N, C-alpha and C. Protein backbone atom coordinates (compact mmCIF):
# COMPACT_ATOMS: atom_id res chain seq x y z
N UNK A 1 -58.04 41.97 15.39
CA UNK A 1 -59.13 41.07 15.68
C UNK A 1 -60.44 41.86 15.65
N UNK A 2 -61.40 41.33 14.96
CA UNK A 2 -62.70 41.98 14.81
C UNK A 2 -63.75 41.23 15.64
N UNK A 3 -64.74 41.96 16.16
CA UNK A 3 -65.80 41.29 16.92
C UNK A 3 -66.72 40.50 15.99
N UNK A 4 -67.24 39.41 16.49
CA UNK A 4 -68.22 38.59 15.80
C UNK A 4 -69.55 38.82 16.53
N UNK A 5 -70.41 39.67 15.97
CA UNK A 5 -71.65 40.03 16.65
C UNK A 5 -72.59 38.84 16.79
N UNK A 6 -72.58 37.92 15.83
CA UNK A 6 -73.46 36.75 15.97
C UNK A 6 -72.99 35.89 17.14
N UNK A 7 -71.69 35.81 17.35
CA UNK A 7 -71.17 35.05 18.50
C UNK A 7 -71.56 35.77 19.80
N UNK A 8 -71.47 37.08 19.82
CA UNK A 8 -71.85 37.84 21.02
C UNK A 8 -73.33 37.62 21.34
N UNK A 9 -74.17 37.57 20.31
CA UNK A 9 -75.60 37.34 20.53
C UNK A 9 -75.86 35.92 21.00
N UNK A 10 -75.08 34.96 20.55
CA UNK A 10 -75.20 33.59 21.06
C UNK A 10 -74.86 33.55 22.55
N UNK A 11 -73.80 34.24 22.94
CA UNK A 11 -73.44 34.32 24.35
C UNK A 11 -74.55 35.00 25.15
N UNK A 12 -75.16 36.02 24.56
CA UNK A 12 -76.23 36.76 25.23
C UNK A 12 -77.47 35.92 25.48
N UNK A 13 -77.66 34.91 24.66
CA UNK A 13 -78.84 34.05 24.79
C UNK A 13 -78.67 32.98 25.86
N UNK A 14 -77.46 32.78 26.34
CA UNK A 14 -77.19 31.72 27.31
C UNK A 14 -77.20 32.19 28.74
N UNK A 15 -76.86 31.26 29.63
CA UNK A 15 -76.76 31.57 31.05
C UNK A 15 -75.59 32.51 31.31
N UNK A 16 -75.72 33.28 32.40
CA UNK A 16 -74.65 34.19 32.82
C UNK A 16 -74.25 35.12 31.67
N UNK A 17 -75.26 35.58 30.93
CA UNK A 17 -75.05 36.30 29.68
C UNK A 17 -74.20 37.55 29.83
N UNK A 18 -74.48 38.39 30.82
CA UNK A 18 -73.73 39.64 30.96
C UNK A 18 -72.24 39.36 31.14
N UNK A 19 -71.90 38.44 32.03
CA UNK A 19 -70.50 38.13 32.30
C UNK A 19 -69.83 37.49 31.09
N UNK A 20 -70.54 36.63 30.39
CA UNK A 20 -69.95 35.96 29.22
C UNK A 20 -69.70 36.94 28.08
N UNK A 21 -70.66 37.83 27.83
CA UNK A 21 -70.48 38.82 26.76
C UNK A 21 -69.37 39.80 27.15
N UNK A 22 -69.34 40.21 28.41
CA UNK A 22 -68.28 41.11 28.86
C UNK A 22 -66.91 40.45 28.72
N UNK A 23 -66.79 39.18 29.11
CA UNK A 23 -65.51 38.46 28.97
C UNK A 23 -65.08 38.42 27.50
N UNK A 24 -66.03 38.19 26.61
CA UNK A 24 -65.73 38.17 25.17
C UNK A 24 -65.25 39.56 24.71
N UNK A 25 -65.97 40.61 25.13
CA UNK A 25 -65.57 41.97 24.76
C UNK A 25 -64.20 42.32 25.33
N UNK A 26 -63.98 41.95 26.58
CA UNK A 26 -62.70 42.26 27.24
C UNK A 26 -61.55 41.55 26.53
N UNK A 27 -61.75 40.30 26.17
CA UNK A 27 -60.71 39.55 25.46
C UNK A 27 -60.41 40.20 24.11
N UNK A 28 -61.45 40.62 23.41
CA UNK A 28 -61.25 41.26 22.11
C UNK A 28 -60.58 42.61 22.21
N UNK A 29 -61.06 43.43 23.13
CA UNK A 29 -60.49 44.78 23.30
C UNK A 29 -59.03 44.68 23.73
N UNK A 30 -58.73 43.85 24.71
CA UNK A 30 -57.36 43.81 25.22
C UNK A 30 -56.39 43.08 24.29
N UNK A 31 -56.91 42.33 23.32
CA UNK A 31 -56.04 41.76 22.28
C UNK A 31 -55.51 42.87 21.37
N UNK A 32 -56.27 43.95 21.27
CA UNK A 32 -55.89 45.10 20.43
C UNK A 32 -55.23 46.19 21.26
N UNK A 33 -55.79 46.43 22.44
CA UNK A 33 -55.36 47.52 23.32
C UNK A 33 -54.89 46.92 24.63
N UNK A 34 -53.60 46.65 24.77
CA UNK A 34 -53.10 46.00 25.98
C UNK A 34 -53.50 46.74 27.25
N UNK A 35 -53.83 45.96 28.28
CA UNK A 35 -54.24 46.54 29.54
C UNK A 35 -53.59 45.79 30.69
N UNK A 36 -52.98 46.54 31.59
CA UNK A 36 -52.42 45.94 32.79
C UNK A 36 -53.46 45.80 33.88
N UNK A 37 -54.54 46.57 33.77
CA UNK A 37 -55.65 46.50 34.72
C UNK A 37 -56.91 46.99 34.01
N UNK A 38 -57.90 46.12 33.95
CA UNK A 38 -59.17 46.46 33.32
C UNK A 38 -60.26 46.46 34.39
N UNK A 39 -61.10 47.49 34.35
CA UNK A 39 -62.27 47.57 35.22
C UNK A 39 -63.46 47.95 34.35
N UNK A 40 -64.64 47.93 34.96
CA UNK A 40 -65.85 48.38 34.28
C UNK A 40 -66.74 49.09 35.29
N UNK A 41 -67.44 50.12 34.82
CA UNK A 41 -68.30 50.92 35.69
C UNK A 41 -69.65 51.16 35.05
N UNK A 42 -70.70 51.22 35.88
CA UNK A 42 -72.02 51.64 35.43
C UNK A 42 -72.26 53.05 35.93
N UNK A 43 -73.19 53.75 35.29
CA UNK A 43 -73.46 55.14 35.62
C UNK A 43 -74.92 55.35 35.98
N UNK A 44 -75.12 56.12 37.01
CA UNK A 44 -76.44 56.60 37.42
C UNK A 44 -76.35 58.11 37.30
N UNK A 45 -76.53 58.61 36.07
CA UNK A 45 -76.31 60.03 35.80
C UNK A 45 -77.34 60.95 36.42
N UNK A 46 -78.62 60.54 36.57
CA UNK A 46 -79.54 61.45 37.26
C UNK A 46 -79.05 61.78 38.68
N UNK A 47 -78.33 60.85 39.30
CA UNK A 47 -77.79 61.08 40.64
C UNK A 47 -76.29 61.37 40.64
N UNK A 48 -75.72 61.54 39.41
CA UNK A 48 -74.29 61.87 39.24
C UNK A 48 -73.39 60.94 40.05
N UNK A 49 -73.57 59.63 39.82
CA UNK A 49 -72.75 58.65 40.53
C UNK A 49 -72.42 57.48 39.61
N UNK A 50 -71.38 56.76 39.99
CA UNK A 50 -70.90 55.60 39.24
C UNK A 50 -70.57 54.49 40.23
N UNK A 51 -70.58 53.24 39.71
CA UNK A 51 -70.23 52.09 40.55
C UNK A 51 -69.41 51.11 39.71
N UNK A 52 -68.29 50.64 40.27
CA UNK A 52 -67.46 49.65 39.58
C UNK A 52 -68.15 48.29 39.64
N UNK A 53 -68.26 47.63 38.47
CA UNK A 53 -68.94 46.34 38.39
C UNK A 53 -68.01 45.21 37.96
N UNK A 54 -66.75 45.55 37.70
CA UNK A 54 -65.75 44.54 37.36
C UNK A 54 -64.37 45.10 37.67
N UNK A 55 -63.49 44.24 38.17
CA UNK A 55 -62.10 44.64 38.40
C UNK A 55 -61.20 43.42 38.32
N UNK A 56 -60.10 43.58 37.59
CA UNK A 56 -59.08 42.53 37.56
C UNK A 56 -58.20 42.58 38.80
N UNK A 57 -58.29 43.66 39.57
CA UNK A 57 -57.51 43.80 40.79
C UNK A 57 -58.41 44.34 41.90
N UNK A 58 -59.19 43.44 42.54
CA UNK A 58 -60.14 43.90 43.55
C UNK A 58 -59.49 44.54 44.78
N UNK A 59 -58.23 44.24 45.04
CA UNK A 59 -57.55 44.88 46.18
C UNK A 59 -57.33 46.36 45.90
N UNK A 60 -56.96 46.69 44.68
CA UNK A 60 -56.71 48.09 44.33
C UNK A 60 -58.01 48.81 43.97
N UNK A 61 -58.86 48.14 43.22
CA UNK A 61 -60.11 48.72 42.75
C UNK A 61 -61.22 47.69 42.88
N UNK A 62 -61.86 47.67 44.03
CA UNK A 62 -62.94 46.72 44.29
C UNK A 62 -64.23 47.11 43.60
N UNK A 63 -65.15 46.16 43.55
CA UNK A 63 -66.47 46.44 42.99
C UNK A 63 -67.43 46.90 44.08
N UNK A 64 -68.52 47.51 43.66
CA UNK A 64 -69.55 47.94 44.60
C UNK A 64 -69.37 49.39 45.00
N UNK A 65 -70.29 49.86 45.81
CA UNK A 65 -70.28 51.22 46.36
C UNK A 65 -70.25 52.29 45.28
N UNK A 66 -71.28 53.10 45.27
CA UNK A 66 -71.35 54.22 44.34
C UNK A 66 -70.41 55.33 44.79
N UNK A 67 -69.85 56.04 43.82
CA UNK A 67 -69.06 57.24 44.10
C UNK A 67 -69.54 58.34 43.17
N UNK A 68 -69.23 59.56 43.51
CA UNK A 68 -69.73 60.69 42.72
C UNK A 68 -69.04 60.79 41.36
N UNK A 69 -69.74 61.36 40.42
CA UNK A 69 -69.20 61.68 39.11
C UNK A 69 -68.90 63.17 39.11
N UNK A 70 -67.67 63.55 38.78
CA UNK A 70 -67.27 64.95 38.72
C UNK A 70 -67.41 65.48 37.30
N UNK A 71 -67.75 66.74 37.18
CA UNK A 71 -67.80 67.41 35.87
C UNK A 71 -66.40 67.92 35.56
N UNK A 72 -65.74 67.23 34.64
CA UNK A 72 -64.38 67.58 34.24
C UNK A 72 -64.17 67.14 32.80
N UNK A 73 -62.93 67.05 32.36
CA UNK A 73 -62.63 66.68 30.97
C UNK A 73 -63.13 65.27 30.65
N UNK A 74 -63.07 64.37 31.62
CA UNK A 74 -63.61 63.02 31.43
C UNK A 74 -65.12 63.10 31.19
N UNK A 75 -65.82 63.81 32.04
CA UNK A 75 -67.26 63.96 31.93
C UNK A 75 -67.63 64.56 30.56
N UNK A 76 -66.92 65.62 30.18
CA UNK A 76 -67.20 66.27 28.90
C UNK A 76 -66.97 65.33 27.72
N UNK A 77 -65.91 64.52 27.79
CA UNK A 77 -65.56 63.63 26.69
C UNK A 77 -66.45 62.40 26.64
N UNK A 78 -66.57 61.70 27.76
CA UNK A 78 -67.27 60.40 27.78
C UNK A 78 -68.77 60.57 27.96
N UNK A 79 -69.19 61.27 28.99
CA UNK A 79 -70.61 61.36 29.32
C UNK A 79 -71.35 62.28 28.34
N UNK A 80 -70.86 63.49 28.16
CA UNK A 80 -71.53 64.41 27.24
C UNK A 80 -71.20 64.11 25.77
N UNK A 81 -69.92 63.88 25.49
CA UNK A 81 -69.48 63.67 24.11
C UNK A 81 -69.67 62.25 23.61
N UNK A 82 -69.88 61.30 24.50
CA UNK A 82 -70.07 59.89 24.16
C UNK A 82 -68.92 59.36 23.29
N UNK A 83 -67.71 59.80 23.65
CA UNK A 83 -66.50 59.37 22.96
C UNK A 83 -65.57 58.72 23.97
N UNK A 84 -64.60 57.92 23.50
CA UNK A 84 -63.64 57.35 24.45
C UNK A 84 -62.75 58.43 25.04
N UNK A 85 -62.40 58.25 26.30
CA UNK A 85 -61.42 59.13 26.93
C UNK A 85 -60.10 58.39 26.87
N UNK A 86 -59.08 59.04 26.33
CA UNK A 86 -57.76 58.43 26.16
C UNK A 86 -56.70 59.37 26.69
N UNK A 87 -55.80 58.84 27.50
CA UNK A 87 -54.64 59.60 27.94
C UNK A 87 -53.42 58.69 27.82
N UNK A 88 -52.34 59.26 27.41
CA UNK A 88 -51.11 58.48 27.24
C UNK A 88 -49.98 58.94 28.14
N UNK A 89 -50.30 59.86 29.07
CA UNK A 89 -49.32 60.31 30.06
C UNK A 89 -50.04 60.53 31.39
N UNK A 90 -49.28 60.55 32.46
CA UNK A 90 -49.85 60.83 33.78
C UNK A 90 -50.47 62.22 33.80
N UNK A 91 -49.82 63.19 33.20
CA UNK A 91 -50.35 64.56 33.19
C UNK A 91 -51.73 64.61 32.54
N UNK A 92 -51.94 63.82 31.49
CA UNK A 92 -53.24 63.82 30.81
C UNK A 92 -54.34 63.23 31.70
N UNK A 93 -54.06 62.11 32.40
CA UNK A 93 -55.14 61.55 33.21
C UNK A 93 -55.26 62.19 34.58
N UNK A 94 -54.24 62.92 35.02
CA UNK A 94 -54.33 63.62 36.30
C UNK A 94 -55.43 64.69 36.28
N UNK A 95 -55.70 65.24 35.10
CA UNK A 95 -56.75 66.26 34.97
C UNK A 95 -58.16 65.66 35.08
N UNK A 96 -58.26 64.34 34.97
CA UNK A 96 -59.58 63.70 34.93
C UNK A 96 -59.89 62.86 36.16
N UNK A 97 -58.88 62.30 36.80
CA UNK A 97 -59.14 61.31 37.86
C UNK A 97 -58.55 61.76 39.20
N UNK A 98 -59.39 61.82 40.21
CA UNK A 98 -58.94 62.23 41.54
C UNK A 98 -57.91 61.27 42.11
N UNK A 99 -57.93 60.00 41.65
CA UNK A 99 -57.01 58.98 42.17
C UNK A 99 -55.82 58.75 41.25
N UNK A 100 -55.42 59.78 40.52
CA UNK A 100 -54.35 59.63 39.54
C UNK A 100 -53.04 59.17 40.18
N UNK A 101 -52.78 59.58 41.42
CA UNK A 101 -51.53 59.15 42.08
C UNK A 101 -51.57 57.65 42.38
N UNK A 102 -52.72 57.13 42.74
CA UNK A 102 -52.87 55.68 42.96
C UNK A 102 -52.63 54.93 41.66
N UNK A 103 -53.18 55.44 40.56
CA UNK A 103 -52.97 54.82 39.25
C UNK A 103 -51.49 54.80 38.92
N UNK A 104 -50.81 55.90 39.14
CA UNK A 104 -49.37 55.98 38.88
C UNK A 104 -48.61 55.03 39.80
N UNK A 105 -48.98 54.97 41.09
CA UNK A 105 -48.32 54.06 42.04
C UNK A 105 -48.47 52.60 41.65
N UNK A 106 -49.56 52.27 40.95
CA UNK A 106 -49.76 50.91 40.47
C UNK A 106 -48.92 50.61 39.23
N UNK A 107 -48.24 51.62 38.72
CA UNK A 107 -47.35 51.43 37.57
C UNK A 107 -47.95 51.79 36.23
N UNK A 108 -49.06 52.52 36.24
CA UNK A 108 -49.73 52.86 34.98
C UNK A 108 -49.60 54.35 34.68
N UNK A 109 -49.50 54.65 33.39
CA UNK A 109 -49.35 56.03 32.97
C UNK A 109 -50.19 56.35 31.73
N UNK A 110 -51.12 55.45 31.40
CA UNK A 110 -52.03 55.67 30.27
C UNK A 110 -53.36 54.99 30.59
N UNK A 111 -54.42 55.52 29.98
CA UNK A 111 -55.72 54.88 30.17
C UNK A 111 -56.60 55.10 28.95
N UNK A 112 -57.61 54.23 28.84
CA UNK A 112 -58.65 54.37 27.83
C UNK A 112 -59.96 53.92 28.46
N UNK A 113 -61.02 54.71 28.26
CA UNK A 113 -62.35 54.38 28.73
C UNK A 113 -63.26 54.28 27.52
N UNK A 114 -63.87 53.11 27.31
CA UNK A 114 -64.76 52.88 26.18
C UNK A 114 -66.20 53.00 26.68
N UNK A 115 -66.95 53.98 26.18
CA UNK A 115 -68.32 54.14 26.67
C UNK A 115 -69.28 53.14 26.02
N UNK A 116 -70.19 52.62 26.84
CA UNK A 116 -71.32 51.82 26.36
C UNK A 116 -72.49 52.78 26.26
N UNK A 117 -73.04 52.91 25.06
CA UNK A 117 -74.09 53.91 24.82
C UNK A 117 -75.36 53.20 24.39
N UNK A 118 -76.46 53.51 25.09
CA UNK A 118 -77.78 52.96 24.75
C UNK A 118 -78.83 54.01 25.06
N UNK A 119 -79.83 54.07 24.22
CA UNK A 119 -80.93 55.01 24.42
C UNK A 119 -80.43 56.45 24.54
N UNK A 120 -79.36 56.76 23.78
CA UNK A 120 -78.85 58.12 23.75
C UNK A 120 -78.05 58.56 24.95
N UNK A 121 -77.63 57.60 25.80
CA UNK A 121 -76.87 57.97 27.00
C UNK A 121 -75.82 56.91 27.31
N UNK A 122 -74.81 57.32 28.05
CA UNK A 122 -73.76 56.40 28.49
C UNK A 122 -74.30 55.62 29.69
N UNK A 123 -74.27 54.29 29.57
CA UNK A 123 -74.74 53.44 30.66
C UNK A 123 -73.59 52.74 31.38
N UNK A 124 -72.41 52.77 30.78
CA UNK A 124 -71.25 52.14 31.40
C UNK A 124 -69.99 52.42 30.63
N UNK A 125 -68.86 52.03 31.21
CA UNK A 125 -67.58 52.14 30.51
C UNK A 125 -66.71 50.93 30.84
N UNK A 126 -65.95 50.49 29.85
CA UNK A 126 -64.85 49.56 30.07
C UNK A 126 -63.62 50.43 30.21
N UNK A 127 -62.85 50.22 31.28
CA UNK A 127 -61.74 51.10 31.65
C UNK A 127 -60.43 50.32 31.62
N UNK A 128 -59.48 50.77 30.84
CA UNK A 128 -58.20 50.11 30.69
C UNK A 128 -57.07 51.00 31.18
N UNK A 129 -56.11 50.41 31.87
CA UNK A 129 -54.89 51.11 32.31
C UNK A 129 -53.68 50.41 31.70
N UNK A 130 -52.69 51.20 31.30
CA UNK A 130 -51.48 50.63 30.70
C UNK A 130 -50.32 51.60 30.88
N UNK A 131 -49.28 51.40 30.08
CA UNK A 131 -48.08 52.22 30.16
C UNK A 131 -48.14 53.37 29.15
N UNK A 132 -47.30 54.35 29.34
CA UNK A 132 -47.29 55.56 28.51
C UNK A 132 -47.24 55.22 27.02
N UNK A 133 -48.07 55.90 26.26
CA UNK A 133 -48.05 55.77 24.81
C UNK A 133 -48.77 54.56 24.25
N UNK A 134 -49.39 53.74 25.09
CA UNK A 134 -50.03 52.51 24.62
C UNK A 134 -51.18 52.78 23.66
N UNK A 135 -51.98 53.81 23.96
CA UNK A 135 -53.23 53.98 23.24
C UNK A 135 -53.14 55.00 22.11
N UNK A 136 -52.37 54.62 21.09
CA UNK A 136 -52.23 55.42 19.87
C UNK A 136 -53.57 55.42 19.12
N UNK A 137 -53.79 56.37 18.23
CA UNK A 137 -55.08 56.46 17.53
C UNK A 137 -55.54 55.17 16.86
N UNK A 138 -54.62 54.43 16.25
CA UNK A 138 -55.02 53.19 15.58
C UNK A 138 -55.43 52.11 16.58
N UNK A 139 -54.83 52.13 17.77
CA UNK A 139 -55.21 51.19 18.83
C UNK A 139 -56.61 51.54 19.35
N UNK A 140 -56.85 52.81 19.55
CA UNK A 140 -58.17 53.26 20.01
C UNK A 140 -59.23 52.89 18.97
N UNK A 141 -58.95 53.12 17.70
CA UNK A 141 -59.91 52.80 16.64
C UNK A 141 -60.23 51.30 16.63
N UNK A 142 -59.21 50.48 16.77
CA UNK A 142 -59.44 49.03 16.81
C UNK A 142 -60.25 48.61 18.02
N UNK A 143 -59.96 49.19 19.18
CA UNK A 143 -60.71 48.86 20.39
C UNK A 143 -62.16 49.31 20.26
N UNK A 144 -62.39 50.45 19.63
CA UNK A 144 -63.75 50.97 19.49
C UNK A 144 -64.62 50.12 18.56
N UNK A 145 -64.02 49.29 17.74
CA UNK A 145 -64.81 48.35 16.94
C UNK A 145 -65.58 47.38 17.84
N UNK A 146 -65.11 47.21 19.07
CA UNK A 146 -65.76 46.33 20.04
C UNK A 146 -66.85 47.04 20.85
N UNK A 147 -67.04 48.35 20.62
CA UNK A 147 -68.03 49.09 21.39
C UNK A 147 -69.43 48.48 21.35
N UNK A 148 -69.93 47.97 20.21
CA UNK A 148 -71.26 47.35 20.24
C UNK A 148 -71.34 46.13 21.19
N UNK A 149 -70.26 45.36 21.27
CA UNK A 149 -70.25 44.20 22.17
C UNK A 149 -70.17 44.67 23.62
N UNK A 150 -69.38 45.71 23.87
CA UNK A 150 -69.30 46.30 25.22
C UNK A 150 -70.69 46.79 25.63
N UNK A 151 -71.36 47.49 24.73
CA UNK A 151 -72.70 48.00 25.03
C UNK A 151 -73.68 46.86 25.30
N UNK A 152 -73.63 45.81 24.51
CA UNK A 152 -74.49 44.65 24.75
C UNK A 152 -74.27 44.08 26.15
N UNK A 153 -73.02 43.98 26.56
CA UNK A 153 -72.73 43.45 27.90
C UNK A 153 -73.37 44.33 28.98
N UNK A 154 -73.27 45.65 28.84
CA UNK A 154 -73.86 46.54 29.84
C UNK A 154 -75.38 46.49 29.82
N UNK A 155 -75.98 46.36 28.63
CA UNK A 155 -77.44 46.21 28.57
C UNK A 155 -77.88 44.95 29.30
N UNK A 156 -77.15 43.87 29.11
CA UNK A 156 -77.47 42.62 29.81
C UNK A 156 -77.30 42.77 31.31
N UNK A 157 -76.28 43.50 31.72
CA UNK A 157 -76.07 43.74 33.15
C UNK A 157 -77.24 44.54 33.73
N UNK A 158 -77.72 45.51 32.99
CA UNK A 158 -78.87 46.29 33.45
C UNK A 158 -80.11 45.42 33.61
N UNK A 159 -80.25 44.41 32.76
CA UNK A 159 -81.37 43.48 32.92
C UNK A 159 -81.29 42.72 34.24
N UNK A 160 -80.07 42.49 34.71
CA UNK A 160 -79.86 41.80 35.98
C UNK A 160 -80.13 42.72 37.17
N UNK A 161 -80.13 44.03 36.93
CA UNK A 161 -80.34 45.00 38.00
C UNK A 161 -79.02 45.67 38.34
N UNK A 162 -78.75 46.81 37.73
CA UNK A 162 -77.46 47.48 37.85
C UNK A 162 -77.12 47.92 39.27
N UNK A 163 -78.09 47.98 40.15
CA UNK A 163 -77.83 48.42 41.53
C UNK A 163 -76.86 47.47 42.25
N UNK A 164 -76.91 46.16 41.90
CA UNK A 164 -76.08 45.19 42.61
C UNK A 164 -75.31 44.23 41.70
N UNK A 165 -75.65 44.14 40.43
CA UNK A 165 -75.04 43.18 39.53
C UNK A 165 -73.58 43.52 39.23
N UNK A 166 -72.79 42.49 38.90
CA UNK A 166 -71.40 42.68 38.47
C UNK A 166 -71.14 41.78 37.27
N UNK A 167 -70.03 42.03 36.59
CA UNK A 167 -69.62 41.19 35.48
C UNK A 167 -68.82 39.97 35.94
N UNK A 168 -68.69 39.77 37.23
CA UNK A 168 -67.90 38.63 37.70
C UNK A 168 -68.65 37.32 37.54
N UNK A 169 -69.92 37.38 37.22
CA UNK A 169 -70.68 36.19 36.86
C UNK A 169 -70.96 35.25 38.00
N UNK A 170 -71.77 34.26 37.68
CA UNK A 170 -72.19 33.27 38.66
C UNK A 170 -71.33 32.02 38.61
N UNK A 171 -70.77 31.75 37.44
CA UNK A 171 -70.05 30.49 37.24
C UNK A 171 -68.55 30.67 37.19
N UNK A 172 -67.90 29.63 36.74
CA UNK A 172 -66.44 29.61 36.63
C UNK A 172 -66.00 30.48 35.46
N UNK A 173 -64.73 30.74 35.41
CA UNK A 173 -64.13 31.48 34.32
C UNK A 173 -64.41 30.78 33.00
N UNK A 174 -64.55 31.55 31.95
CA UNK A 174 -64.95 31.03 30.64
C UNK A 174 -63.75 31.10 29.70
N UNK A 175 -63.44 29.99 29.05
CA UNK A 175 -62.35 29.96 28.07
C UNK A 175 -62.90 30.38 26.72
N UNK A 176 -62.52 31.55 26.25
CA UNK A 176 -63.02 32.08 24.98
C UNK A 176 -62.04 31.88 23.84
N UNK A 177 -60.92 31.24 24.10
CA UNK A 177 -59.89 31.12 23.07
C UNK A 177 -60.41 30.52 21.77
N UNK A 178 -61.14 29.39 21.79
CA UNK A 178 -61.61 28.85 20.52
C UNK A 178 -62.55 29.82 19.78
N UNK A 179 -63.27 30.64 20.50
CA UNK A 179 -64.22 31.55 19.88
C UNK A 179 -63.54 32.75 19.24
N UNK A 180 -62.31 33.03 19.59
CA UNK A 180 -61.60 34.20 19.06
C UNK A 180 -60.74 33.85 17.85
N UNK A 181 -60.52 32.58 17.60
CA UNK A 181 -59.66 32.19 16.48
C UNK A 181 -60.30 32.59 15.16
N UNK A 182 -59.50 33.13 14.30
CA UNK A 182 -59.95 33.48 12.97
C UNK A 182 -60.73 34.78 12.88
N UNK A 183 -60.87 35.50 13.96
CA UNK A 183 -61.61 36.76 13.91
C UNK A 183 -60.70 37.88 13.48
């Protein structure tokens, strides 16, 4: 499935734009790259902190509250390298995430983080968790085709004020099924 940028821009022009564009991006990415738990985070790099702005499982990973950003393989890959961080085993993501045991306890052993890049810097990431081996190179390549839509969603969120905004939107859940047909 390929992204339709004109459709994303139509969503961006309407109400609740950040949440609608993010929902469209999430539906497209997870159609290619299965995810048992998807979250999204914004970055305040001058202060070396991040905040979760979306979670499919708020009990395990709630939104809000800034936490520190550590300089590690994730930082080198995503923040400095502006590339997706991909791990397909617990050992691979244990080197990057302080909460790797929690991720494993939730039943996940692979992850992918898609960076949203604007103005030469990472402003956010869409974060996917799944089972071992899920994120093969061709899956990552297909998911990265959605990076422009992911970036658009984060830019719209920043317009709302990244200090408090989330992708959970103001309105009801949006059915994107008709918009994804034929893509």
